[in-house]
Amino acid sequence: MLLQTDARRRITLPPIAGINPGDAIDLEILEDGRIMLIPIEPVPKHQLWAWTTEAKQAISASLTDPRPSTVVENAEDAAKLAARWSGEN
């Protein structure tokens, strides 16, 4: 696909590129001069901890945990659960 830049060095991407207005794109210029546009989903700094290898593995493991979930409906249930987790029970 041939594209031309305008006077401000901009190009218009066709709809089939799947990039919408406001999308974040990483631009990479390769050693041979080719340009790669890579759609990305930026992660806020305060959420970067969740994107470490260890955190991703822990999240994946928790999603495959066969044990039933515990439903906490009131403060008494929460206190019992907290006591169990802290080893008091």
N, C-alpha and C. Protein backbone atom coordinates (compact mmCIF):
# COMPACT_ATOMS: atom_id res chain seq x y z
N MET A 1 0.85 -1.16 0.00
CA MET A 1 0.00 0.00 0.00
C MET A 1 0.90 1.24 0.00
N LEU A 2 0.67 2.10 -0.92
CA LEU A 2 1.46 3.31 -1.04
C LEU A 2 0.74 4.47 -0.34
N LEU A 3 1.44 5.17 0.55
CA LEU A 3 0.90 6.33 1.24
C LEU A 3 1.83 7.51 0.99
N GLN A 4 1.28 8.70 0.99
CA GLN A 4 2.10 9.90 0.85
C GLN A 4 1.91 10.77 2.08
N THR A 5 2.98 11.42 2.46
CA THR A 5 2.88 12.34 3.60
C THR A 5 2.35 13.68 3.11
N ASP A 6 1.74 14.42 4.02
CA ASP A 6 1.29 15.76 3.67
C ASP A 6 2.40 16.75 4.03
N ALA A 7 2.11 18.04 3.97
CA ALA A 7 3.12 19.07 4.22
C ALA A 7 3.68 19.00 5.64
N ARG A 8 2.92 18.39 6.56
CA ARG A 8 3.37 18.28 7.95
C ARG A 8 3.93 16.90 8.27
N ARG A 9 4.25 16.10 7.25
CA ARG A 9 4.80 14.75 7.36
C ARG A 9 3.82 13.76 7.99
N ARG A 10 2.55 13.99 7.85
CA ARG A 10 1.52 13.09 8.38
C ARG A 10 1.05 12.14 7.29
N ILE A 11 0.57 10.98 7.71
CA ILE A 11 -0.06 10.03 6.79
C ILE A 11 -1.43 9.69 7.36
N THR A 12 -2.30 9.23 6.49
CA THR A 12 -3.62 8.76 6.91
C THR A 12 -3.65 7.26 6.74
N LEU A 13 -3.94 6.55 7.84
CA LEU A 13 -3.99 5.09 7.78
C LEU A 13 -5.39 4.66 7.36
N PRO A 14 -5.47 3.67 6.51
CA PRO A 14 -6.79 3.19 6.07
C PRO A 14 -7.50 2.47 7.22
N PRO A 15 -8.83 2.41 7.17
CA PRO A 15 -9.59 1.74 8.22
C PRO A 15 -9.20 0.28 8.44
N ILE A 16 -8.74 -0.39 7.39
CA ILE A 16 -8.38 -1.81 7.54
C ILE A 16 -7.17 -2.00 8.46
N ALA A 17 -6.44 -0.92 8.77
CA ALA A 17 -5.29 -1.02 9.68
C ALA A 17 -5.75 -1.30 11.11
N GLY A 18 -7.03 -1.03 11.40
CA GLY A 18 -7.56 -1.32 12.73
C GLY A 18 -7.12 -0.34 13.80
N ILE A 19 -6.59 0.79 13.41
CA ILE A 19 -6.14 1.81 14.36
C ILE A 19 -7.16 2.94 14.34
N ASN A 20 -7.67 3.27 15.52
CA ASN A 20 -8.72 4.27 15.64
C ASN A 20 -8.16 5.57 16.21
N PRO A 21 -8.85 6.68 16.01
CA PRO A 21 -8.40 7.94 16.60
C PRO A 21 -8.24 7.80 18.11
N GLY A 22 -7.13 8.27 18.62
CA GLY A 22 -6.86 8.21 20.06
C GLY A 22 -6.10 6.97 20.49
N ASP A 23 -5.93 5.98 19.61
CA ASP A 23 -5.18 4.78 19.97
C ASP A 23 -3.71 5.14 20.18
N ALA A 24 -3.06 4.45 21.11
CA ALA A 24 -1.63 4.64 21.34
C ALA A 24 -0.85 3.73 20.39
N ILE A 25 0.20 4.28 19.81
CA ILE A 25 1.00 3.54 18.83
C ILE A 25 2.47 3.75 19.14
N ASP A 26 3.22 2.65 19.16
CA ASP A 26 4.67 2.72 19.32
C ASP A 26 5.28 2.77 17.92
N LEU A 27 6.12 3.76 17.67
CA LEU A 27 6.77 3.90 16.37
C LEU A 27 8.22 3.44 16.53
N GLU A 28 8.60 2.50 15.70
CA GLU A 28 9.96 1.98 15.75
C GLU A 28 10.61 2.15 14.38
N ILE A 29 11.77 2.76 14.36
CA ILE A 29 12.52 2.92 13.11
C ILE A 29 13.63 1.88 13.11
N LEU A 30 13.57 0.96 12.17
CA LEU A 30 14.54 -0.12 12.09
C LEU A 30 15.85 0.36 11.47
N GLU A 31 16.91 -0.39 11.65
CA GLU A 31 18.23 0.00 11.14
C GLU A 31 18.24 0.20 9.64
N ASP A 32 17.41 -0.56 8.93
CA ASP A 32 17.40 -0.44 7.46
C ASP A 32 16.48 0.69 6.98
N GLY A 33 15.91 1.48 7.92
CA GLY A 33 15.08 2.61 7.55
C GLY A 33 13.59 2.33 7.52
N ARG A 34 13.20 1.06 7.64
CA ARG A 34 11.78 0.75 7.68
C ARG A 34 11.17 1.27 8.97
N ILE A 35 9.91 1.61 8.90
CA ILE A 35 9.19 2.13 10.06
C ILE A 35 8.10 1.13 10.44
N MET A 36 8.05 0.80 11.71
CA MET A 36 7.00 -0.10 12.22
C MET A 36 6.10 0.68 13.15
N LEU A 37 4.79 0.57 12.95
CA LEU A 37 3.80 1.14 13.85
C LEU A 37 3.18 -0.02 14.62
N ILE A 38 3.30 0.01 15.94
CA ILE A 38 2.82 -1.09 16.76
C ILE A 38 1.75 -0.57 17.72
N PRO A 39 0.48 -1.00 17.55
CA PRO A 39 -0.56 -0.57 18.49
C PRO A 39 -0.24 -1.10 19.89
N ILE A 40 -0.36 -0.25 20.88
CA ILE A 40 -0.08 -0.66 22.25
C ILE A 40 -1.22 -0.26 23.16
N GLU A 41 -1.24 -0.85 24.33
CA GLU A 41 -2.19 -0.48 25.37
C GLU A 41 -1.34 0.01 26.54
N PRO A 42 -1.23 1.32 26.72
CA PRO A 42 -0.37 1.83 27.78
C PRO A 42 -0.89 1.45 29.16
N VAL A 43 0.05 1.22 30.08
CA VAL A 43 -0.28 0.85 31.45
C VAL A 43 0.13 2.00 32.36
N PRO A 44 -0.80 2.51 33.18
CA PRO A 44 -0.43 3.57 34.12
C PRO A 44 0.68 3.10 35.07
N LYS A 45 1.57 3.99 35.47
CA LYS A 45 2.70 3.62 36.32
C LYS A 45 2.27 2.92 37.60
N HIS A 46 1.16 3.37 38.19
CA HIS A 46 0.74 2.76 39.45
C HIS A 46 0.21 1.34 39.27
N GLN A 47 0.07 0.87 38.03
CA GLN A 47 -0.36 -0.50 37.78
C GLN A 47 0.75 -1.39 37.22
N LEU A 48 1.95 -0.85 37.10
CA LEU A 48 3.05 -1.63 36.52
C LEU A 48 3.40 -2.86 37.34
N TRP A 49 3.17 -2.82 38.66
CA TRP A 49 3.48 -3.98 39.50
C TRP A 49 2.75 -5.22 39.01
N ALA A 50 1.58 -5.06 38.46
CA ALA A 50 0.78 -6.20 38.01
C ALA A 50 1.32 -6.82 36.73
N TRP A 51 2.25 -6.16 36.08
CA TRP A 51 2.76 -6.64 34.80
C TRP A 51 4.13 -7.28 34.90
N THR A 52 4.58 -7.55 36.13
CA THR A 52 5.84 -8.29 36.29
C THR A 52 5.57 -9.75 35.97
N THR A 53 6.61 -10.50 35.65
CA THR A 53 6.46 -11.92 35.32
C THR A 53 5.85 -12.67 36.50
N GLU A 54 6.33 -12.37 37.71
CA GLU A 54 5.83 -13.07 38.90
C GLU A 54 4.35 -12.80 39.13
N ALA A 55 3.94 -11.53 38.98
CA ALA A 55 2.54 -11.18 39.20
C ALA A 55 1.65 -11.85 38.15
N LYS A 56 2.08 -11.86 36.88
CA LYS A 56 1.28 -12.49 35.84
C LYS A 56 1.14 -13.99 36.10
N GLN A 57 2.22 -14.64 36.58
CA GLN A 57 2.14 -16.06 36.89
C GLN A 57 1.19 -16.31 38.06
N ALA A 58 1.25 -15.46 39.09
CA ALA A 58 0.36 -15.61 40.24
C ALA A 58 -1.10 -15.41 39.84
N ILE A 59 -1.35 -14.45 38.97
CA ILE A 59 -2.72 -14.20 38.51
C ILE A 59 -3.22 -15.40 37.70
N SER A 60 -2.39 -15.92 36.81
CA SER A 60 -2.78 -17.09 36.01
C SER A 60 -3.06 -18.28 36.91
N ALA A 61 -2.21 -18.49 37.92
CA ALA A 61 -2.40 -19.61 38.84
C ALA A 61 -3.70 -19.45 39.62
N SER A 62 -4.00 -18.22 40.03
CA SER A 62 -5.22 -18.01 40.82
C SER A 62 -6.47 -18.26 39.97
N LEU A 63 -6.38 -17.97 38.68
CA LEU A 63 -7.54 -18.18 37.82
C LEU A 63 -7.81 -19.66 37.55
N THR A 64 -6.78 -20.49 37.72
CA THR A 64 -6.95 -21.92 37.50
C THR A 64 -7.10 -22.69 38.82
N ASP A 65 -7.19 -21.98 39.94
CA ASP A 65 -7.34 -22.60 41.27
C ASP A 65 -8.69 -23.31 41.33
N PRO A 66 -8.71 -24.64 41.58
CA PRO A 66 -9.98 -25.38 41.59
C PRO A 66 -10.80 -25.20 42.87
N ARG A 67 -10.21 -24.59 43.89
CA ARG A 67 -10.94 -24.43 45.15
C ARG A 67 -12.11 -23.45 44.97
N PRO A 68 -13.21 -23.70 45.68
CA PRO A 68 -14.36 -22.79 45.55
C PRO A 68 -14.05 -21.42 46.16
N SER A 69 -14.66 -20.40 45.63
CA SER A 69 -14.50 -19.04 46.16
C SER A 69 -15.22 -18.92 47.49
N THR A 70 -14.73 -18.00 48.33
CA THR A 70 -15.37 -17.72 49.61
C THR A 70 -16.18 -16.44 49.46
N VAL A 71 -17.44 -16.49 49.85
CA VAL A 71 -18.30 -15.32 49.76
C VAL A 71 -18.38 -14.68 51.15
N VAL A 72 -18.04 -13.41 51.22
CA VAL A 72 -18.10 -12.66 52.47
C VAL A 72 -19.31 -11.73 52.38
N GLU A 73 -20.29 -11.98 53.23
CA GLU A 73 -21.53 -11.22 53.16
C GLU A 73 -21.67 -10.18 54.26
N ASN A 74 -20.86 -10.30 55.33
CA ASN A 74 -20.99 -9.32 56.42
C ASN A 74 -19.66 -9.21 57.16
N ALA A 75 -19.60 -8.31 58.12
CA ALA A 75 -18.37 -8.04 58.86
C ALA A 75 -17.93 -9.25 59.67
N GLU A 76 -18.89 -10.02 60.19
CA GLU A 76 -18.56 -11.21 60.98
C GLU A 76 -17.85 -12.25 60.11
N ASP A 77 -18.37 -12.47 58.91
CA ASP A 77 -17.72 -13.40 57.97
C ASP A 77 -16.31 -12.92 57.63
N ALA A 78 -16.15 -11.62 57.44
CA ALA A 78 -14.85 -11.06 57.11
C ALA A 78 -13.87 -11.26 58.26
N ALA A 79 -14.32 -11.07 59.50
CA ALA A 79 -13.45 -11.25 60.66
C ALA A 79 -13.03 -12.71 60.80
N LYS A 80 -13.96 -13.65 60.56
CA LYS A 80 -13.62 -15.07 60.63
C LYS A 80 -12.58 -15.43 59.56
N LEU A 81 -12.77 -14.92 58.38
CA LEU A 81 -11.85 -15.21 57.29
C LEU A 81 -10.47 -14.62 57.56
N ALA A 82 -10.45 -13.38 58.06
CA ALA A 82 -9.18 -12.73 58.37
C ALA A 82 -8.43 -13.49 59.48
N ALA A 83 -9.16 -14.00 60.46
CA ALA A 83 -8.55 -14.77 61.54
C ALA A 83 -7.97 -16.07 60.98
N ARG A 84 -8.68 -16.71 60.07
CA ARG A 84 -8.17 -17.94 59.46
C ARG A 84 -6.91 -17.67 58.65
N TRP A 85 -6.89 -16.58 57.88
CA TRP A 85 -5.73 -16.24 57.07
C TRP A 85 -4.52 -15.87 57.92
N SER A 86 -4.77 -15.22 59.05
CA SER A 86 -3.65 -14.80 59.90
C SER A 86 -3.15 -15.91 60.81
N GLY A 87 -3.81 -17.07 60.77
CA GLY A 87 -3.36 -18.21 61.56
C GLY A 87 -3.91 -18.20 62.98
N GLU A 88 -4.86 -17.36 63.29
CA GLU A 88 -5.42 -17.29 64.63
C GLU A 88 -6.43 -18.40 64.87
N ASN A 89 -6.91 -19.03 63.84
CA ASN A 89 -7.87 -20.12 63.96
C ASN A 89 -7.27 -21.41 63.49
